[in-house]
Amino acid sequence: MTAGYRNPATFEQMPEARLGKTARDVWDILQARQQPGGLVAVKQKDLAERLDITVPSVSRAISELKDRGLVNGRTQHGKILIHPLFAAYESEAHMINHVQDPGTHIWPLTFPGTAVALPRGADPRHGTDFDPDPDGGEEAPMAEAAPFLRLAG
């Protein structure tokens, strides 16, 4: 299956990531080679050959992508996971279902100087003196932190 549908709103935020040239080049290759849902099977050596740069340069670029949250910090054996909000999907419905699935881990994006997205399940009241149930009765439900999505159409 081909991963062809992407949320255009997320790509409007890409300039905020302030990626270096090599990181942007690596990002473009990852975007082009991803499977539906954002998994990319690629080796740093292959990326280095494709871009005609050294493997340590590719490693630094991937670290930059990890620092920004664009790829998952835990890569395994040549597999990189692109952030679900920036991944490509088979269709709009596939994207919505994947992002809303409770099993989908949505980690924060850390673009310089901006708060772009919160992970699912984050309570915006965390770190405040707010007590949702001062009487100590039933637990209050967590506030739903919906991912930022703007659907084209």
N, C-alpha and C. Protein backbone atom coordinates (compact mmCIF):
# COMPACT_ATOMS: atom_id res chain seq x y z
N MET A 1 0.83 -1.18 0.00
CA MET A 1 0.00 0.00 0.00
C MET A 1 0.88 1.25 0.00
N THR A 2 0.39 2.26 -0.65
CA THR A 2 1.14 3.50 -0.77
C THR A 2 0.67 4.51 0.26
N ALA A 3 1.61 5.16 0.91
CA ALA A 3 1.29 6.22 1.86
C ALA A 3 1.24 7.52 1.08
N GLY A 4 0.05 8.03 0.85
CA GLY A 4 -0.05 9.21 0.02
C GLY A 4 -0.77 10.38 0.66
N TYR A 5 -1.59 10.15 1.69
CA TYR A 5 -2.34 11.24 2.30
C TYR A 5 -1.56 11.82 3.48
N ARG A 6 -1.38 13.14 3.47
CA ARG A 6 -0.72 13.84 4.57
C ARG A 6 -1.60 15.01 4.98
N ASN A 7 -1.54 15.36 6.25
CA ASN A 7 -2.29 16.50 6.76
C ASN A 7 -1.54 17.77 6.38
N PRO A 8 -2.09 18.59 5.50
CA PRO A 8 -1.37 19.78 5.04
C PRO A 8 -1.11 20.79 6.15
N ALA A 9 -1.93 20.82 7.18
CA ALA A 9 -1.73 21.81 8.25
C ALA A 9 -0.42 21.60 8.99
N THR A 10 0.00 20.35 9.12
CA THR A 10 1.24 20.10 9.84
C THR A 10 2.45 20.63 9.07
N PHE A 11 2.39 20.57 7.76
CA PHE A 11 3.54 21.02 6.98
C PHE A 11 3.66 22.53 6.95
N GLU A 12 2.59 23.24 7.28
CA GLU A 12 2.68 24.68 7.43
C GLU A 12 3.53 25.04 8.64
N GLN A 13 3.68 24.09 9.57
CA GLN A 13 4.46 24.33 10.78
C GLN A 13 5.93 23.97 10.61
N MET A 14 6.32 23.34 9.52
CA MET A 14 7.69 22.89 9.33
C MET A 14 8.73 24.02 9.43
N PRO A 15 8.47 25.23 8.93
CA PRO A 15 9.49 26.28 9.10
C PRO A 15 9.80 26.55 10.57
N GLU A 16 8.83 26.32 11.46
CA GLU A 16 9.05 26.54 12.89
C GLU A 16 10.09 25.56 13.47
N ALA A 17 10.30 24.43 12.81
CA ALA A 17 11.27 23.44 13.30
C ALA A 17 12.70 23.96 13.16
N ARG A 18 12.93 24.85 12.22
CA ARG A 18 14.25 25.44 11.99
C ARG A 18 15.32 24.37 11.84
N LEU A 19 15.07 23.45 10.93
CA LEU A 19 16.02 22.36 10.68
C LEU A 19 17.22 22.86 9.88
N GLY A 20 18.37 22.26 10.16
CA GLY A 20 19.54 22.52 9.35
C GLY A 20 19.40 21.85 7.99
N LYS A 21 20.27 22.20 7.04
CA LYS A 21 20.17 21.68 5.69
C LYS A 21 20.23 20.15 5.65
N THR A 22 21.18 19.57 6.34
CA THR A 22 21.32 18.10 6.32
C THR A 22 20.09 17.44 6.95
N ALA A 23 19.62 17.98 8.07
CA ALA A 23 18.43 17.41 8.72
C ALA A 23 17.23 17.51 7.80
N ARG A 24 17.11 18.62 7.08
CA ARG A 24 15.99 18.78 6.14
C ARG A 24 16.10 17.78 4.99
N ASP A 25 17.31 17.56 4.49
CA ASP A 25 17.52 16.58 3.42
C ASP A 25 17.16 15.17 3.90
N VAL A 26 17.60 14.82 5.11
CA VAL A 26 17.27 13.50 5.66
C VAL A 26 15.77 13.39 5.87
N TRP A 27 15.14 14.45 6.38
CA TRP A 27 13.68 14.47 6.59
C TRP A 27 12.94 14.23 5.27
N ASP A 28 13.39 14.87 4.22
CA ASP A 28 12.74 14.70 2.91
C ASP A 28 12.83 13.25 2.43
N ILE A 29 13.97 12.60 2.64
CA ILE A 29 14.12 11.20 2.24
C ILE A 29 13.23 10.31 3.10
N LEU A 30 13.19 10.57 4.41
CA LEU A 30 12.32 9.78 5.28
C LEU A 30 10.86 9.91 4.87
N GLN A 31 10.45 11.12 4.53
CA GLN A 31 9.07 11.35 4.09
C GLN A 31 8.77 10.56 2.81
N ALA A 32 9.72 10.53 1.90
CA ALA A 32 9.51 9.85 0.62
C ALA A 32 9.49 8.33 0.76
N ARG A 33 10.21 7.79 1.74
CA ARG A 33 10.34 6.33 1.85
C ARG A 33 9.44 5.69 2.90
N GLN A 34 8.61 6.45 3.55
CA GLN A 34 7.83 5.89 4.65
C GLN A 34 6.69 4.99 4.20
N GLN A 35 6.37 4.05 5.07
CA GLN A 35 5.21 3.20 4.88
C GLN A 35 4.02 3.92 5.50
N PRO A 36 2.77 3.50 5.19
CA PRO A 36 1.62 4.14 5.82
C PRO A 36 1.73 4.10 7.34
N GLY A 37 1.54 5.24 7.97
CA GLY A 37 1.66 5.34 9.42
C GLY A 37 3.00 5.86 9.90
N GLY A 38 3.97 6.04 8.99
CA GLY A 38 5.21 6.70 9.33
C GLY A 38 6.42 5.84 9.62
N LEU A 39 6.37 4.53 9.43
CA LEU A 39 7.54 3.70 9.66
C LEU A 39 8.44 3.72 8.43
N VAL A 40 9.73 3.96 8.65
CA VAL A 40 10.69 4.03 7.57
C VAL A 40 11.82 3.04 7.86
N ALA A 41 12.03 2.11 6.94
CA ALA A 41 13.13 1.15 7.07
C ALA A 41 14.28 1.65 6.20
N VAL A 42 15.26 2.25 6.84
CA VAL A 42 16.40 2.80 6.12
C VAL A 42 17.60 2.79 7.05
N LYS A 43 18.77 2.58 6.49
CA LYS A 43 20.01 2.58 7.28
C LYS A 43 20.73 3.91 7.08
N GLN A 44 21.40 4.33 8.13
CA GLN A 44 22.14 5.59 8.05
C GLN A 44 23.18 5.55 6.94
N LYS A 45 23.77 4.39 6.73
CA LYS A 45 24.76 4.24 5.66
C LYS A 45 24.12 4.53 4.30
N ASP A 46 22.90 4.04 4.07
CA ASP A 46 22.20 4.29 2.81
C ASP A 46 21.87 5.78 2.64
N LEU A 47 21.46 6.41 3.73
CA LEU A 47 21.18 7.85 3.67
C LEU A 47 22.45 8.63 3.36
N ALA A 48 23.57 8.23 3.98
CA ALA A 48 24.84 8.91 3.74
C ALA A 48 25.26 8.78 2.29
N GLU A 49 25.11 7.58 1.72
CA GLU A 49 25.46 7.39 0.31
C GLU A 49 24.55 8.21 -0.60
N ARG A 50 23.27 8.22 -0.31
CA ARG A 50 22.30 8.95 -1.14
C ARG A 50 22.59 10.45 -1.13
N LEU A 51 22.96 10.98 0.04
CA LEU A 51 23.21 12.42 0.17
C LEU A 51 24.68 12.79 -0.05
N ASP A 52 25.54 11.77 -0.26
CA ASP A 52 26.97 11.98 -0.46
C ASP A 52 27.59 12.74 0.72
N ILE A 53 27.27 12.26 1.93
CA ILE A 53 27.83 12.81 3.15
C ILE A 53 28.29 11.64 4.02
N THR A 54 28.88 11.93 5.18
CA THR A 54 29.36 10.88 6.07
C THR A 54 28.24 10.35 6.95
N VAL A 55 28.42 9.14 7.46
CA VAL A 55 27.44 8.53 8.37
C VAL A 55 27.30 9.37 9.65
N PRO A 56 28.41 9.89 10.24
CA PRO A 56 28.22 10.75 11.42
C PRO A 56 27.37 12.00 11.14
N SER A 57 27.45 12.54 9.92
CA SER A 57 26.61 13.69 9.56
C SER A 57 25.14 13.29 9.54
N VAL A 58 24.85 12.10 9.02
CA VAL A 58 23.47 11.59 9.01
C VAL A 58 23.01 11.36 10.44
N SER A 59 23.87 10.82 11.27
CA SER A 59 23.53 10.57 12.67
C SER A 59 23.17 11.87 13.39
N ARG A 60 23.95 12.92 13.14
CA ARG A 60 23.66 14.23 13.75
C ARG A 60 22.33 14.78 13.24
N ALA A 61 22.05 14.58 11.95
CA ALA A 61 20.78 15.06 11.38
C ALA A 61 19.60 14.33 12.00
N ILE A 62 19.73 13.02 12.18
CA ILE A 62 18.65 12.25 12.80
C ILE A 62 18.48 12.66 14.26
N SER A 63 19.58 12.96 14.94
CA SER A 63 19.48 13.46 16.32
C SER A 63 18.74 14.78 16.36
N GLU A 64 18.97 15.63 15.37
CA GLU A 64 18.25 16.90 15.30
C GLU A 64 16.76 16.66 15.11
N LEU A 65 16.40 15.70 14.24
CA LEU A 65 14.99 15.36 14.02
C LEU A 65 14.37 14.80 15.30
N LYS A 66 15.13 14.00 16.03
CA LYS A 66 14.65 13.47 17.32
C LYS A 66 14.45 14.60 18.32
N ASP A 67 15.41 15.53 18.38
CA ASP A 67 15.31 16.65 19.31
C ASP A 67 14.07 17.49 19.06
N ARG A 68 13.68 17.63 17.81
CA ARG A 68 12.48 18.40 17.46
C ARG A 68 11.19 17.60 17.64
N GLY A 69 11.34 16.28 17.81
CA GLY A 69 10.17 15.42 17.98
C GLY A 69 9.59 14.92 16.67
N LEU A 70 10.25 15.20 15.56
CA LEU A 70 9.72 14.78 14.25
C LEU A 70 9.84 13.28 14.04
N VAL A 71 10.82 12.65 14.68
CA VAL A 71 10.93 11.19 14.65
C VAL A 71 11.05 10.71 16.09
N ASN A 72 10.65 9.46 16.31
CA ASN A 72 10.69 8.89 17.64
C ASN A 72 12.13 8.76 18.09
N GLY A 73 12.38 9.02 19.35
CA GLY A 73 13.72 8.96 19.90
C GLY A 73 14.31 7.57 19.96
N ARG A 74 13.46 6.54 19.85
CA ARG A 74 13.96 5.16 19.92
C ARG A 74 13.89 4.52 18.55
N THR A 75 15.00 4.54 17.83
CA THR A 75 15.05 3.87 16.53
C THR A 75 15.62 2.48 16.75
N GLN A 76 15.19 1.53 15.93
CA GLN A 76 15.64 0.16 16.10
C GLN A 76 16.06 -0.44 14.77
N HIS A 77 17.31 -0.84 14.68
CA HIS A 77 17.81 -1.61 13.55
C HIS A 77 17.37 -1.06 12.19
N GLY A 78 17.66 0.19 11.95
CA GLY A 78 17.36 0.76 10.65
C GLY A 78 15.91 1.15 10.45
N LYS A 79 15.10 1.17 11.50
CA LYS A 79 13.70 1.58 11.38
C LYS A 79 13.48 2.84 12.19
N ILE A 80 12.91 3.83 11.53
CA ILE A 80 12.64 5.12 12.15
C ILE A 80 11.14 5.36 12.08
N LEU A 81 10.57 5.89 13.16
CA LEU A 81 9.14 6.19 13.19
C LEU A 81 8.94 7.69 13.15
N ILE A 82 8.24 8.14 12.11
CA ILE A 82 7.91 9.56 11.96
C ILE A 82 6.74 9.89 12.88
N HIS A 83 6.74 11.09 13.44
CA HIS A 83 5.66 11.54 14.32
C HIS A 83 4.31 11.33 13.63
N PRO A 84 3.32 10.76 14.33
CA PRO A 84 2.02 10.46 13.70
C PRO A 84 1.34 11.66 13.02
N LEU A 85 1.58 12.87 13.52
CA LEU A 85 0.96 14.04 12.89
C LEU A 85 1.64 14.43 11.58
N PHE A 86 2.87 13.94 11.35
CA PHE A 86 3.60 14.24 10.13
C PHE A 86 3.73 13.04 9.21
N ALA A 87 3.19 11.91 9.63
CA ALA A 87 3.27 10.69 8.83
C ALA A 87 2.30 10.75 7.65
N ALA A 88 2.54 9.89 6.69
CA ALA A 88 1.63 9.76 5.54
C ALA A 88 0.75 8.53 5.77
N TYR A 89 -0.45 8.59 5.22
CA TYR A 89 -1.42 7.52 5.42
C TYR A 89 -2.05 7.13 4.09
N GLU A 90 -2.77 6.02 4.12
CA GLU A 90 -3.45 5.54 2.92
C GLU A 90 -4.61 6.46 2.52
N SER A 91 -5.25 7.06 3.52
CA SER A 91 -6.40 7.93 3.26
C SER A 91 -6.59 8.84 4.48
N GLU A 92 -7.49 9.78 4.34
CA GLU A 92 -7.83 10.65 5.46
C GLU A 92 -8.41 9.84 6.61
N ALA A 93 -9.28 8.89 6.31
CA ALA A 93 -9.88 8.05 7.34
C ALA A 93 -8.82 7.25 8.09
N HIS A 94 -7.82 6.72 7.35
CA HIS A 94 -6.74 5.97 7.98
C HIS A 94 -5.97 6.87 8.95
N MET A 95 -5.70 8.12 8.55
CA MET A 95 -5.00 9.06 9.40
C MET A 95 -5.80 9.32 10.68
N ILE A 96 -7.07 9.62 10.54
CA ILE A 96 -7.90 9.94 11.71
C ILE A 96 -7.97 8.74 12.65
N ASN A 97 -8.19 7.56 12.10
CA ASN A 97 -8.26 6.36 12.94
C ASN A 97 -6.95 6.10 13.65
N HIS A 98 -5.83 6.28 12.95
CA HIS A 98 -4.52 6.03 13.56
C HIS A 98 -4.23 7.01 14.69
N VAL A 99 -4.50 8.29 14.45
CA VAL A 99 -4.20 9.32 15.45
C VAL A 99 -5.12 9.18 16.66
N GLN A 100 -6.37 8.78 16.45
CA GLN A 100 -7.31 8.65 17.56
C GLN A 100 -7.21 7.32 18.29
N ASP A 101 -6.48 6.35 17.74
CA ASP A 101 -6.33 5.05 18.38
C ASP A 101 -5.59 5.23 19.71
N PRO A 102 -6.15 4.71 20.81
CA PRO A 102 -5.47 4.86 22.11
C PRO A 102 -4.08 4.22 22.14
N GLY A 103 -3.81 3.28 21.26
CA GLY A 103 -2.50 2.64 21.21
C GLY A 103 -1.45 3.44 20.47
N THR A 104 -1.85 4.51 19.80
CA THR A 104 -0.90 5.35 19.07
C THR A 104 -0.25 6.33 20.03
N HIS A 105 1.06 6.25 20.13
CA HIS A 105 1.80 7.16 21.00
C HIS A 105 2.08 8.45 20.24
N ILE A 106 1.58 9.55 20.77
CA ILE A 106 1.84 10.86 20.18
C ILE A 106 2.72 11.63 21.16
N TRP A 107 3.96 11.78 20.79
CA TRP A 107 4.92 12.45 21.66
C TRP A 107 4.96 13.93 21.30
N PRO A 108 5.47 14.78 22.21
CA PRO A 108 5.46 16.22 21.96
C PRO A 108 6.47 16.63 20.89
N LEU A 109 6.10 17.64 20.16
CA LEU A 109 7.01 18.28 19.21
C LEU A 109 7.69 19.42 19.96
N THR A 110 8.96 19.60 19.74
CA THR A 110 9.70 20.63 20.48
C THR A 110 10.39 21.56 19.51
N PHE A 111 9.60 22.31 18.77
CA PHE A 111 10.17 23.29 17.85
C PHE A 111 10.65 24.47 18.68
N PRO A 112 11.76 25.09 18.30
CA PRO A 112 12.31 26.20 19.08
C PRO A 112 11.30 27.33 19.28
N GLY A 113 11.07 27.68 20.54
CA GLY A 113 10.21 28.81 20.84
C GLY A 113 8.72 28.59 20.65
N THR A 114 8.30 27.37 20.39
CA THR A 114 6.87 27.11 20.18
C THR A 114 6.44 25.85 20.92
N ALA A 115 5.23 25.88 21.39
CA ALA A 115 4.61 24.67 21.94
C ALA A 115 3.65 24.19 20.86
N VAL A 116 4.04 23.13 20.15
CA VAL A 116 3.28 22.70 18.99
C VAL A 116 2.20 21.69 19.33
N ALA A 117 2.51 20.66 20.09
CA ALA A 117 1.52 19.63 20.38
C ALA A 117 1.79 19.01 21.74
N LEU A 118 0.73 18.58 22.38
CA LEU A 118 0.84 17.88 23.64
C LEU A 118 0.57 16.40 23.41
N PRO A 119 1.22 15.54 24.19
CA PRO A 119 0.91 14.12 24.04
C PRO A 119 -0.52 13.85 24.52
N ARG A 120 -1.15 12.83 23.95
CA ARG A 120 -2.50 12.45 24.33
C ARG A 120 -2.54 12.13 25.82
N GLY A 121 -3.60 12.53 26.47
CA GLY A 121 -3.79 12.21 27.87
C GLY A 121 -3.14 13.20 28.82
N ALA A 122 -2.48 14.21 28.29
CA ALA A 122 -1.86 15.20 29.16
C ALA A 122 -2.95 16.04 29.80
N ASP A 123 -2.84 16.24 31.08
CA ASP A 123 -3.81 17.06 31.79
C ASP A 123 -3.30 18.49 31.82
N PRO A 124 -4.01 19.44 31.19
CA PRO A 124 -3.52 20.82 31.16
C PRO A 124 -3.47 21.44 32.56
N ARG A 125 -4.09 20.80 33.54
CA ARG A 125 -4.08 21.34 34.90
C ARG A 125 -2.87 20.85 35.68
N HIS A 126 -2.07 19.96 35.10
CA HIS A 126 -0.91 19.40 35.79
C HIS A 126 0.05 20.51 36.18
N GLY A 127 0.55 20.42 37.40
CA GLY A 127 1.49 21.42 37.88
C GLY A 127 0.81 22.63 38.49
N THR A 128 -0.51 22.59 38.63
CA THR A 128 -1.23 23.69 39.26
C THR A 128 -1.77 23.20 40.60
N ASP A 129 -2.40 24.08 41.34
CA ASP A 129 -3.01 23.71 42.61
C ASP A 129 -4.44 23.22 42.43
N PHE A 130 -4.88 23.04 41.20
CA PHE A 130 -6.26 22.63 40.94
C PHE A 130 -6.50 21.22 41.45
N ASP A 131 -7.52 21.03 42.27
CA ASP A 131 -7.91 19.71 42.76
C ASP A 131 -9.27 19.40 42.16
N PRO A 132 -9.35 18.44 41.22
CA PRO A 132 -10.62 18.17 40.55
C PRO A 132 -11.67 17.59 41.49
N ASP A 133 -11.25 17.04 42.62
CA ASP A 133 -12.21 16.45 43.55
C ASP A 133 -11.76 16.72 44.98
N PRO A 134 -12.09 17.90 45.50
CA PRO A 134 -11.58 18.25 46.83
C PRO A 134 -12.12 17.36 47.95
N ASP A 135 -13.25 16.68 47.72
CA ASP A 135 -13.83 15.83 48.76
C ASP A 135 -13.18 14.46 48.83
N GLY A 136 -12.33 14.10 47.86
CA GLY A 136 -11.67 12.82 47.87
C GLY A 136 -12.55 11.66 47.43
N GLY A 137 -13.61 11.94 46.69
CA GLY A 137 -14.52 10.90 46.21
C GLY A 137 -13.98 10.24 44.96
N GLU A 138 -14.83 10.09 43.96
CA GLU A 138 -14.43 9.44 42.71
C GLU A 138 -13.39 10.28 41.98
N GLU A 139 -12.55 9.59 41.25
CA GLU A 139 -11.55 10.30 40.47
C GLU A 139 -12.22 11.07 39.35
N ALA A 140 -11.75 12.27 39.10
CA ALA A 140 -12.27 13.07 38.00
C ALA A 140 -11.66 12.57 36.70
N PRO A 141 -12.41 12.58 35.61
CA PRO A 141 -11.84 12.13 34.34
C PRO A 141 -10.78 13.11 33.85
N MET A 142 -9.79 12.55 33.17
CA MET A 142 -8.73 13.38 32.58
C MET A 142 -9.31 14.18 31.42
N ALA A 143 -8.83 15.38 31.25
CA ALA A 143 -9.23 16.18 30.10
C ALA A 143 -8.63 15.57 28.85
N GLU A 144 -9.42 15.46 27.79
CA GLU A 144 -8.92 14.92 26.51
C GLU A 144 -8.09 16.00 25.83
N ALA A 145 -6.87 15.69 25.52
CA ALA A 145 -6.01 16.60 24.77
C ALA A 145 -6.00 16.10 23.33
N ALA A 146 -6.87 16.64 22.52
CA ALA A 146 -6.98 16.19 21.13
C ALA A 146 -5.79 16.69 20.34
N PRO A 147 -5.26 15.86 19.43
CA PRO A 147 -4.16 16.32 18.60
C PRO A 147 -4.62 17.42 17.64
N PHE A 148 -3.73 18.33 17.33
CA PHE A 148 -4.06 19.42 16.42
C PHE A 148 -4.15 18.86 15.00
N LEU A 149 -5.32 18.89 14.45
CA LEU A 149 -5.52 18.45 13.08
C LEU A 149 -6.43 19.42 12.35
N ARG A 150 -6.07 19.75 11.17
CA ARG A 150 -6.96 20.53 10.32
C ARG A 150 -7.09 19.74 9.05
N LEU A 151 -8.28 19.33 8.74
CA LEU A 151 -8.49 18.48 7.59
C LEU A 151 -8.74 19.33 6.35
N ALA A 152 -8.07 18.96 5.28
CA ALA A 152 -8.25 19.67 4.02
C ALA A 152 -9.58 19.24 3.42
N GLY A 153 -10.19 20.11 2.71
CA GLY A 153 -11.42 19.67 2.05
C GLY A 153 -12.42 20.68 1.87
